[in-house]
Amino acid sequence: MKILYIRRKTRYEKRHSVKMGELTTKVTYIKKYLLGLPVKTLHKYRRTYYGEVKSCDDCMLFV
């Protein structure tokens, strides 16, 4: 087992955008792990229908 590694994981989330309203999209998290425990989220992004990559900072998490 590696001591320090980076893993990318994708999951569906409901997000809310000002322009589009509620949308369900795939959000990819890139996290740094130390001995199997998550230490830090390095980057979080989502891919649009047209293949464009956008940061998740412009839309809020919808609960």
C-alpha atoms as a PDB file:
ATOM      1  CA  MET A   1       0.000   0.000   0.000  1.00  0.00           C
ATOM      2  CA  LYS A   2       1.239   3.460  -0.860  1.00  0.00           C
ATOM      3  CA  ILE A   3       1.734   6.023   1.874  1.00  0.00           C
ATOM      4  CA  LEU A   4       0.700   9.087  -0.128  1.00  0.00           C
ATOM      5  CA  TYR A   5      -1.432   8.964  -3.284  1.00  0.00           C
ATOM      6  CA  ILE A   6      -3.985  10.966  -5.288  1.00  0.00           C
ATOM      7  CA  ARG A   7      -7.375   9.585  -6.339  1.00  0.00           C
ATOM      8  CA  ARG A   8     -10.041  10.935  -8.692  1.00  0.00           C
ATOM      9  CA  LYS A   9     -13.673  10.052  -7.947  1.00  0.00           C
ATOM     10  CA  THR A  10     -16.827  11.045  -9.834  1.00  0.00           C
ATOM     11  CA  ARG A  11     -20.353  11.105  -8.432  1.00  0.00           C
ATOM     12  CA  TYR A  12     -23.713  12.697  -9.243  1.00  0.00           C
ATOM     13  CA  GLU A  13     -24.796  15.770  -7.275  1.00  0.00           C
ATOM     14  CA  LYS A  14     -27.703  18.162  -7.408  1.00  0.00           C
ATOM     15  CA  ARG A  15     -26.411  21.681  -7.963  1.00  0.00           C
ATOM     16  CA  HIS A  16     -28.129  25.044  -8.258  1.00  0.00           C
ATOM     17  CA  SER A  17     -26.969  27.642 -10.766  1.00  0.00           C
ATOM     18  CA  VAL A  18     -28.310  31.181 -11.008  1.00  0.00           C
ATOM     19  CA  LYS A  19     -28.779  30.998 -14.789  1.00  0.00           C
ATOM     20  CA  MET A  20     -30.006  27.385 -15.133  1.00  0.00           C
ATOM     21  CA  GLY A  21     -31.702  26.648 -11.808  1.00  0.00           C
ATOM     22  CA  GLU A  22     -31.456  23.112 -10.416  1.00  0.00           C
ATOM     23  CA  LEU A  23     -29.305  20.664 -12.350  1.00  0.00           C
ATOM     24  CA  THR A  24     -28.018  17.158 -11.679  1.00  0.00           C
ATOM     25  CA  THR A  25     -24.453  16.792 -12.867  1.00  0.00           C
ATOM     26  CA  LYS A  26     -21.376  14.624 -12.476  1.00  0.00           C
ATOM     27  CA  VAL A  27     -18.857  16.232 -10.132  1.00  0.00           C
ATOM     28  CA  THR A  28     -15.272  14.962 -10.067  1.00  0.00           C
ATOM     29  CA  TYR A  29     -13.212  15.313  -6.900  1.00  0.00           C
ATOM     30  CA  ILE A  30      -9.427  15.011  -6.914  1.00  0.00           C
ATOM     31  CA  LYS A  31      -8.290  14.188  -3.374  1.00  0.00           C
ATOM     32  CA  LYS A  32      -4.972  13.543  -1.687  1.00  0.00           C
ATOM     33  CA  TYR A  33      -4.854  10.488   0.622  1.00  0.00           C
ATOM     34  CA  LEU A  34      -2.398   9.609   3.398  1.00  0.00           C
ATOM     35  CA  LEU A  35      -2.472   5.966   4.524  1.00  0.00           C
ATOM     36  CA  GLY A  36      -5.949   5.545   3.026  1.00  0.00           C
ATOM     37  CA  LEU A  37      -7.489   8.572   4.763  1.00  0.00           C
ATOM     38  CA  PRO A  38      -8.479  11.688   2.789  1.00  0.00           C
ATOM     39  CA  VAL A  39      -6.296  14.661   3.697  1.00  0.00           C
ATOM     40  CA  LYS A  40      -7.158  17.438   1.247  1.00  0.00           C
ATOM     41  CA  THR A  41      -9.405  18.114  -1.750  1.00  0.00           C
ATOM     42  CA  LEU A  42      -7.102  19.436  -4.462  1.00  0.00           C
ATOM     43  CA  HIS A  43      -9.692  20.250  -7.138  1.00  0.00           C
ATOM     44  CA  LYS A  44     -13.421  19.894  -7.763  1.00  0.00           C
ATOM     45  CA  TYR A  45     -14.900  20.299 -11.241  1.00  0.00           C
ATOM     46  CA  ARG A  46     -17.873  19.377 -13.403  1.00  0.00           C
ATOM     47  CA  ARG A  47     -18.166  18.638 -17.103  1.00  0.00           C
ATOM     48  CA  THR A  48     -21.003  20.212 -19.108  1.00  0.00           C
ATOM     49  CA  TYR A  49     -23.127  18.570 -21.796  1.00  0.00           C
ATOM     50  CA  TYR A  50     -20.894  20.074 -24.466  1.00  0.00           C
ATOM     51  CA  GLY A  51     -17.665  18.714 -22.924  1.00  0.00           C
ATOM     52  CA  GLU A  52     -16.630  21.999 -21.319  1.00  0.00           C
ATOM     53  CA  VAL A  53     -14.890  21.736 -17.926  1.00  0.00           C
ATOM     54  CA  LYS A  54     -16.140  24.173 -15.269  1.00  0.00           C
ATOM     55  CA  SER A  55     -15.180  24.752 -11.673  1.00  0.00           C
ATOM     56  CA  CYS A  56     -17.837  24.088  -9.035  1.00  0.00           C
ATOM     57  CA  ASP A  57     -17.333  27.506  -7.458  1.00  0.00           C
ATOM     58  CA  ASP A  58     -19.982  29.168  -9.661  1.00  0.00           C
ATOM     59  CA  CYS A  59     -22.846  26.876  -8.591  1.00  0.00           C
ATOM     60  CA  MET A  60     -24.112  26.037  -5.102  1.00  0.00           C
ATOM     61  CA  LEU A  61     -24.828  22.601  -3.669  1.00  0.00           C
ATOM     62  CA  PHE A  62     -28.595  21.974  -3.685  1.00  0.00           C
ATOM     63  CA  VAL A  63     -29.915  20.059  -0.689  1.00  0.00           C
END
